[in-house]
Protein backbone atom coordinates (compact mmCIF):
# COMPACT_ATOMS: atom_id res chain seq x y z
CA MET A 1 36.29 8.15 25.29
CA THR A 2 32.87 9.73 24.28
CA SER A 3 32.56 13.03 22.36
CA ALA A 4 30.98 14.40 25.47
CA SER A 5 33.90 13.43 27.57
CA ARG A 6 36.24 15.04 25.38
CA ALA A 7 34.34 18.13 25.37
CA GLU A 8 34.21 18.24 29.04
CA GLN A 9 38.13 17.63 29.32
CA GLN A 10 38.86 20.21 26.74
CA ALA A 11 36.68 22.67 28.55
CA SER A 12 38.69 22.14 31.76
CA VAL A 13 41.87 23.12 30.05
CA PRO A 14 42.86 26.84 30.78
CA PRO A 15 43.31 29.09 27.74
CA ALA A 16 46.92 29.49 26.75
CA ILE A 17 48.81 32.37 28.35
CA PRO A 18 49.82 35.04 26.06
CA LYS A 19 53.44 35.56 25.92
CA THR A 20 53.60 39.34 26.78
CA ALA A 21 56.01 41.06 29.20
CA ARG A 22 54.26 41.84 32.43
CA ARG A 23 55.18 44.06 35.21
CA TRP A 24 54.30 42.99 38.98
CA LEU A 25 53.72 45.03 41.97
CA LEU A 26 54.96 43.75 45.42
CA LEU A 27 54.06 44.57 48.99
CA VAL A 28 56.63 43.52 51.60
CA HIS A 29 55.77 43.91 55.11
CA ARG A 30 56.73 43.32 58.76
CA LEU A 31 54.03 43.66 61.43
CA PRO A 32 54.40 44.50 65.02
CA SER A 33 53.22 42.06 67.81
CA THR A 34 50.26 44.48 68.75
CA PRO A 35 47.61 45.29 67.99
CA SER A 36 46.97 41.44 68.16
CA ASN A 37 44.40 41.61 65.36
CA LEU A 38 46.49 43.52 62.88
CA ARG A 39 47.91 40.23 61.19
CA VAL A 40 44.46 38.69 60.60
CA ARG A 41 43.10 42.00 59.20
CA THR A 42 46.03 42.51 56.90
CA TRP A 43 45.65 38.85 55.74
CA ARG A 44 41.99 39.21 55.24
CA ARG A 45 42.61 42.53 53.11
CA LEU A 46 45.33 40.70 51.09
CA GLN A 47 42.91 38.01 50.45
CA GLN A 48 40.02 40.66 49.33
CA LEU A 49 42.57 42.16 46.90
CA GLY A 50 43.37 38.85 45.35
CA ALA A 51 47.19 39.05 46.27
CA ILE A 52 49.11 35.88 46.27
CA ALA A 53 52.09 35.06 48.56
CA VAL A 54 55.57 34.52 47.01
CA LYS A 55 57.27 34.30 50.44
CA GLN A 56 55.98 34.63 54.02
CA THR A 57 55.49 38.49 54.14
CA VAL A 58 55.92 39.06 50.37
CA TYR A 59 52.61 39.48 48.29
CA VAL A 60 52.20 40.08 44.63
CA LEU A 61 49.47 41.62 42.39
CA PRO A 62 49.59 42.47 38.56
CA ASP A 63 50.67 46.09 38.24
CA SER A 64 47.96 48.56 37.72
CA PRO A 65 46.79 52.05 39.02
CA GLY A 66 44.13 50.19 41.14
CA ALA A 67 46.72 47.61 42.72
CA ARG A 68 49.09 50.52 43.44
CA GLU A 69 46.25 52.39 45.29
CA ASP A 70 45.30 49.27 47.15
CA PHE A 71 48.72 48.37 48.27
CA GLU A 72 49.46 51.89 49.24
CA TRP A 73 46.38 52.02 51.58
CA LEU A 74 47.46 48.92 53.16
CA LYS A 75 50.90 50.14 53.75
CA ALA A 76 49.48 53.24 55.21
CA GLU A 77 47.47 51.07 57.66
CA ILE A 78 50.46 48.92 58.55
CA ASP A 79 52.82 52.00 58.91
CA ALA A 80 50.25 53.53 61.17
CA ALA A 81 50.00 50.42 63.34
CA GLY A 82 53.93 50.62 63.88
CA GLY A 83 54.84 48.06 61.40
CA GLU A 84 56.79 48.57 58.12
CA ALA A 85 55.67 47.84 54.57
CA SER A 86 57.30 48.69 51.29
CA VAL A 87 55.46 48.63 47.70
CA PHE A 88 57.69 48.53 44.60
CA ALA A 89 57.08 47.38 40.85
CA ALA A 90 59.31 44.46 39.32
CA ASP A 91 59.69 43.00 35.81
CA THR A 92 60.29 39.49 37.74
CA VAL A 93 59.50 37.89 41.04
CA ASP A 94 62.36 35.91 42.42
CA ALA A 95 62.23 32.46 40.87
CA TRP A 96 59.01 32.66 39.76
CA SER A 97 58.24 33.09 35.75
CA ASP A 98 55.44 35.21 34.42
CA ASP A 99 53.62 32.09 33.57
CA GLU A 100 53.92 30.41 36.86
CA LEU A 101 52.43 33.69 38.51
CA VAL A 102 49.55 33.65 36.21
CA GLN A 103 48.83 30.21 36.58
CA GLN A 104 48.80 30.77 40.45
CA PHE A 105 46.36 33.84 40.13
CA ARG A 106 44.06 31.59 37.97
CA ARG A 107 44.12 28.48 40.40
CA SER A 108 43.68 30.67 43.30
CA CYS A 109 40.37 32.15 41.49
CA GLN A 110 39.21 28.77 40.06
CA LYS A 111 39.42 27.43 43.76
CA THR A 112 37.11 30.30 45.03
CA TYR A 113 34.70 29.98 42.10
CA GLY A 114 34.60 26.21 42.70
CA SER A 115 33.66 26.60 46.24
CA LEU A 116 30.92 29.42 45.36
CA ALA A 117 29.41 26.92 42.90
CA ARG A 118 29.39 24.05 45.39
CA ASP A 119 27.38 26.42 47.89
CA VAL A 120 25.00 27.69 45.29
CA GLU A 121 24.29 24.03 44.03
CA ALA A 122 23.75 22.90 47.67
CA PHE A 123 21.38 25.66 48.02
CA ALA A 124 19.41 25.03 44.89
CA GLN A 125 19.06 21.45 45.87
CA ARG A 126 17.19 22.42 49.07
CA LEU A 127 15.33 25.13 47.40
CA ASP A 128 11.45 24.51 47.35
CA PRO A 129 9.87 27.09 45.28
CA ARG A 130 6.48 26.59 47.01
CA ALA A 131 8.15 27.26 50.62
CA SER A 132 9.93 30.23 49.10
CA ARG A 133 6.53 31.92 48.63
CA ARG A 134 5.25 31.61 52.06
CA LYS A 135 4.88 34.46 54.33
CA GLY A 136 8.26 35.74 55.59
CA ARG A 137 10.32 33.21 53.53
CA ALA A 138 10.89 35.04 50.32
CA PRO A 139 12.91 38.00 51.71
CA ALA A 140 15.43 35.58 53.52
CA ILE A 141 15.81 33.34 50.52
CA GLN A 142 16.37 36.49 48.52
CA ARG A 143 19.13 37.59 50.98
CA LEU A 144 20.81 34.28 50.66
CA LEU A 145 21.05 34.75 46.78
CA ALA A 146 22.20 38.40 47.17
CA GLY A 147 24.97 36.92 49.45
CA PHE A 148 25.99 34.66 46.75
CA ARG A 149 26.15 37.42 44.23
CA ASP A 150 28.05 39.52 46.44
CA ARG A 151 30.59 36.66 46.65
CA LEU A 152 30.61 36.22 42.91
CA ALA A 153 31.30 40.08 42.56
CA ALA A 154 34.27 40.00 45.09
CA ILE A 155 35.93 36.93 43.06
CA ASP A 156 35.32 38.82 39.66
CA SER A 157 37.02 41.75 40.88
CA VAL A 158 40.37 39.86 41.59
CA ASP A 159 39.85 37.47 38.55
CA PHE A 160 42.73 39.24 36.70
CA PHE A 161 43.50 36.42 34.06
CA GLY A 162 40.00 34.98 33.32
CA CYS A 163 40.21 31.70 35.19
CA GLY A 164 37.60 29.00 34.86
CA GLY A 165 34.42 28.57 36.89
CA ARG A 166 32.72 31.74 36.55
CA ASP A 167 30.06 30.74 33.97
CA ARG A 168 29.06 27.78 35.95
CA VAL A 169 28.33 29.98 38.93
CA ILE A 170 26.34 32.36 36.94
CA THR A 171 24.35 29.83 35.45
CA LEU A 172 23.41 28.21 38.89
CA LEU A 173 22.29 31.55 40.13
CA ASP A 174 20.14 32.46 37.18
CA GLN A 175 18.61 29.02 37.55
CA SER A 176 17.73 29.74 41.25
CA ASP A 177 16.59 33.16 40.34
CA LYS A 178 14.16 31.72 37.88
CA ARG A 179 12.68 29.49 40.51
CA LEU A 180 11.72 32.29 42.85
CA THR A 181 9.57 35.41 42.74
CA GLY A 182 11.77 38.40 43.07
CA ALA A 183 11.37 40.54 46.07
CA ALA A 184 11.72 44.55 46.12
CA ARG A 185 15.04 45.66 47.43
CA SER A 186 15.07 48.80 49.47
CA VAL A 187 18.13 51.11 50.26
CA PRO A 188 18.23 53.02 53.32
CA PRO A 189 18.42 56.77 52.75
CA ALA A 190 21.69 58.95 53.36
CA GLU A 191 22.18 60.06 57.19
CA PRO A 192 20.85 63.76 57.53
CA GLY A 193 23.45 66.64 57.92
CA SER A 194 23.68 70.32 57.69
CA ARG A 195 27.46 71.16 56.90
CA ILE A 196 27.15 72.65 53.58
CA SER A 197 27.66 76.50 54.27
CA GLY A 198 29.84 79.33 53.20
CA ALA A 199 32.74 77.60 54.99
CA TYR A 200 32.85 75.04 52.06
CA ARG A 201 32.26 77.40 49.25
CA ARG A 202 35.09 78.63 46.64
CA ARG A 203 37.65 76.43 48.42
CA LEU A 204 40.75 74.52 47.33
CA TRP A 205 40.06 70.71 47.64
CA VAL A 206 43.20 68.59 47.49
CA THR A 207 43.72 65.00 47.25
CA ARG A 208 46.28 62.40 46.01
CA PRO A 209 47.67 62.31 42.56
CA ARG A 210 46.46 59.81 39.81
CA PRO A 211 42.66 60.01 40.75
CA GLY A 212 40.67 56.78 40.73
CA VAL A 213 36.98 55.90 41.18
CA ASP A 214 36.74 57.30 44.74
CA ARG A 215 38.40 60.68 44.19
CA MET A 216 36.61 61.02 40.72
CA SER A 217 33.33 60.54 42.09
CA SER A 218 34.05 62.63 45.22
CA ALA A 219 35.24 65.71 43.23
CA TRP A 220 32.13 65.28 41.28
CA LEU A 221 29.77 65.15 44.24
CA ILE A 222 31.88 68.32 45.71
CA LYS A 223 31.25 70.38 42.55
CA ARG A 224 27.68 69.35 42.01
CA PHE A 225 26.25 69.50 45.64
CA ILE A 226 28.85 71.14 48.08
CA ASP A 227 31.02 73.75 46.10
CA PRO A 228 29.97 74.42 42.69
CA GLU A 229 33.24 76.78 42.27
CA ALA A 230 35.51 74.37 43.75
CA ARG A 231 39.19 74.10 42.77
CA PHE A 232 41.24 71.03 42.91
CA GLY A 233 44.85 70.14 43.63
CA PHE A 234 47.06 67.38 44.38
CA VAL A 235 49.56 66.57 47.07
CA LEU A 236 51.08 63.37 48.12
CA ASP A 237 49.84 63.47 51.87
CA ARG A 238 47.90 65.49 54.41
CA ASP A 239 51.20 67.19 55.68
CA ALA A 240 51.76 68.79 52.25
CA ALA A 241 48.19 70.26 52.07
CA PRO A 242 48.01 74.20 51.95
CA ARG A 243 46.80 75.51 55.16
CA ASP A 244 43.53 76.83 53.72
CA SER A 245 42.69 73.81 51.57
CA VAL A 246 40.04 71.01 52.31
CA PRO A 247 41.85 67.58 51.89
CA PHE A 248 39.84 64.58 51.04
CA ASP A 249 40.40 60.83 50.09
CA MET A 250 43.89 60.73 51.85
CA PHE A 251 44.99 58.88 54.91
CA GLY A 252 44.36 60.65 58.11
CA VAL A 253 41.99 63.25 57.12
CA GLU A 254 38.29 63.75 58.20
CA LEU A 255 36.86 63.72 54.51
CA SER A 256 38.14 60.12 53.73
CA HIS A 257 37.43 56.47 54.17
CA HIS A 258 35.90 55.80 57.69
CA GLY A 259 35.00 52.29 58.88
CA GLU A 260 33.04 50.70 55.93
CA HIS A 261 32.37 53.87 54.04
CA CYS A 262 34.52 55.11 51.01
CA THR A 263 35.06 58.98 50.82
CA PHE A 264 32.07 59.26 48.56
CA GLU A 265 29.78 57.83 51.20
CA THR A 266 31.48 59.97 53.94
CA LEU A 267 30.92 63.08 51.99
CA SER A 268 27.28 62.23 51.19
CA ALA A 269 26.55 61.45 55.09
CA THR A 270 28.66 64.35 56.35
CA PHE A 271 26.94 67.10 54.23
CA GLY A 272 23.48 65.35 54.10
CA ILE A 273 23.27 64.59 50.61
CA GLY A 274 20.58 62.10 50.32
CA GLU A 275 19.33 62.09 46.63
CA ALA A 276 17.77 58.78 45.88
CA THR A 277 19.64 58.80 42.37
CA LEU A 278 22.94 58.77 44.40
CA THR A 279 22.40 55.42 46.02
CA ARG A 280 23.09 53.81 42.70
CA VAL A 281 26.16 55.93 42.12
CA ALA A 282 27.19 55.25 45.72
CA GLY A 283 27.02 51.33 45.20
CA ILE A 284 29.29 51.43 42.33
CA VAL A 285 31.93 53.58 43.88
CA HIS A 286 32.04 51.49 46.85
CA ASP A 287 32.20 48.12 45.29
CA LEU A 288 34.89 49.27 42.97
CA ASP A 289 36.76 51.04 45.79
CA LEU A 290 36.62 48.63 48.57
CA LYS A 291 36.13 45.43 46.47
CA ASP A 292 33.85 43.91 48.99
CA GLY A 293 30.96 43.42 46.76
CA ARG A 294 28.66 44.96 49.39
CA PHE A 295 26.18 46.27 46.93
CA GLY A 296 26.67 44.00 44.07
CA ALA A 297 26.39 46.98 41.59
CA PRO A 298 26.25 45.35 38.16
CA GLU A 299 27.60 48.49 36.42
CA ALA A 300 30.65 48.46 38.38
CA PRO A 301 33.12 46.26 36.15
CA THR A 302 32.12 48.59 33.16
CA ILE A 303 32.64 51.88 35.08
CA GLY A 304 35.95 50.34 36.44
CA THR A 305 37.14 49.62 32.84
CA VAL A 306 36.30 53.06 31.78
CA ILE A 307 38.33 54.59 34.47
CA GLU A 308 41.34 52.52 33.85
CA GLY A 309 41.02 53.71 30.26
CA LEU A 310 40.83 57.28 31.42
CA GLN A 311 44.18 56.78 33.55
CA ALA A 312 46.02 55.40 30.63
CA ALA A 313 44.78 58.07 28.39
CA TYR A 314 45.51 61.11 30.66
CA ALA A 315 49.04 61.85 32.02
CA ASP A 316 47.92 65.04 33.65
CA ASP A 317 46.08 64.60 37.01
CA GLY A 318 43.97 67.73 36.58
CA GLU A 319 42.65 66.50 33.02
CA LEU A 320 42.19 63.00 34.46
CA LEU A 321 40.09 64.28 37.28
CA ALA A 322 38.11 66.36 34.91
CA GLN A 323 37.26 63.56 32.73
CA GLY A 324 36.27 61.64 35.71
CA ILE A 325 33.80 64.39 36.96
CA THR A 326 32.26 64.51 33.27
CA LEU A 327 32.07 60.54 33.61
CA PHE A 328 30.09 60.71 36.87
CA GLU A 329 27.95 63.72 35.63
CA ALA A 330 26.76 61.67 32.76
CA LEU A 331 26.15 58.64 35.06
CA TYR A 332 24.08 60.56 37.51
CA ARG A 333 21.93 62.02 34.79
CA ALA A 334 21.46 58.59 33.03
CA PHE A 335 20.31 57.17 36.50
CA GLY A 336 17.93 60.38 36.90
CA ARG A 337 16.36 60.02 33.39
CA SER A 338 15.80 56.11 34.05
CA ALA A 339 14.13 56.87 37.29
CA ARG A 340 11.85 59.69 35.83
CA ARG A 341 10.84 57.37 33.06
CA GLY A 342 9.88 54.74 35.54
CA GLY A 343 12.85 52.44 34.51
CA PRO A 344 14.72 49.76 36.67
CA ARG A 345 14.57 50.26 40.34
CA PRO A 346 18.00 50.81 42.06
CA VAL A 347 19.94 47.65 41.84
CA ALA A 348 22.53 48.47 44.68
CA ARG A 349 21.66 46.56 47.85
CA ARG A 350 23.01 45.75 51.12
CA SER A 351 23.68 42.08 51.93
CA ALA A 352 22.48 40.92 55.29
CA LYS A 353 25.32 38.24 55.60
CA ARG A 354 28.70 39.24 54.26
CA GLN A 355 32.19 39.36 55.15
CA ARG A 356 32.94 42.80 56.21
CA SER A 357 35.98 44.66 54.95
CA SER A 358 38.57 45.63 57.35
CA CYS A 359 39.98 48.65 55.44
CA PRO A 360 41.59 51.36 57.30
CA SER A 361 40.12 54.99 57.71
CA ARG A 362 41.56 56.59 54.55
């Protein structure tokens, strides 16, 4: 065996799994016969979250605040459709060992990385840089590359254990980028609105406990643009919200997820907040919260890691939300300074061809 062959063989072997105790999060569900598309929507959402099936209706994720929130949203949608779902944590999962579960997550991610790599490689082989510069061709080719990067971001978001295959995809995409002339990307402005009035001043805004990216960013948006004197509280659901409060980012309320928009996007559109700098912030929040890679925001993984650290560092929900507001204020100011200096253009962009998320209105 040549040294090159030995190196290739060694590179294909995944790194050893650390022998550390893990906790797992399980979702068990029973779906009604109607609506008929609920089963497909649920399956697609579980795939987007990176959950693996350990039994026919039992799915598992590594236990984390983000996974808990994702499973709770899915549970709410199933319950609202007349089904039944339960979410709980466990130290062990039936006859599966921790190592077996980790390897299953890795195999799943490696398979999707491999599929993406083959698609990018086939694209690169057909790529003719001269043809790509012809009038009307460059934007279409850039959209194809953007679609590949959206898929990569979606896989990254569920690559919990660092499986192999990611570096090869990045290399192939970078090689393709170098052969093309970049096209400017535009982001449509926020929808107009005129809801900011005295009715939304000096109010108590309530949301669910243990705020994550959407609740932190939405609270920041409220304080900065809608209600500078806003106070914040936490309730388990809309029925527990005080009568004179404004609930947000919880199931079944107006200021929450709608269609393909997270709460931050809903607030921006509802109150007509259309600052250009917010486009970059919105892209990060959307990609982290919905995990569909719609905007391919490169800052999203870093911001997500910081938020996970804040959740681990602050047990009090009020303190956690305050830290999150500070984080997004800093991000907003940094993007604003970059724009004034003529720095990088906003990188968040919509992909023309993508798999649309089927998240519930939350």
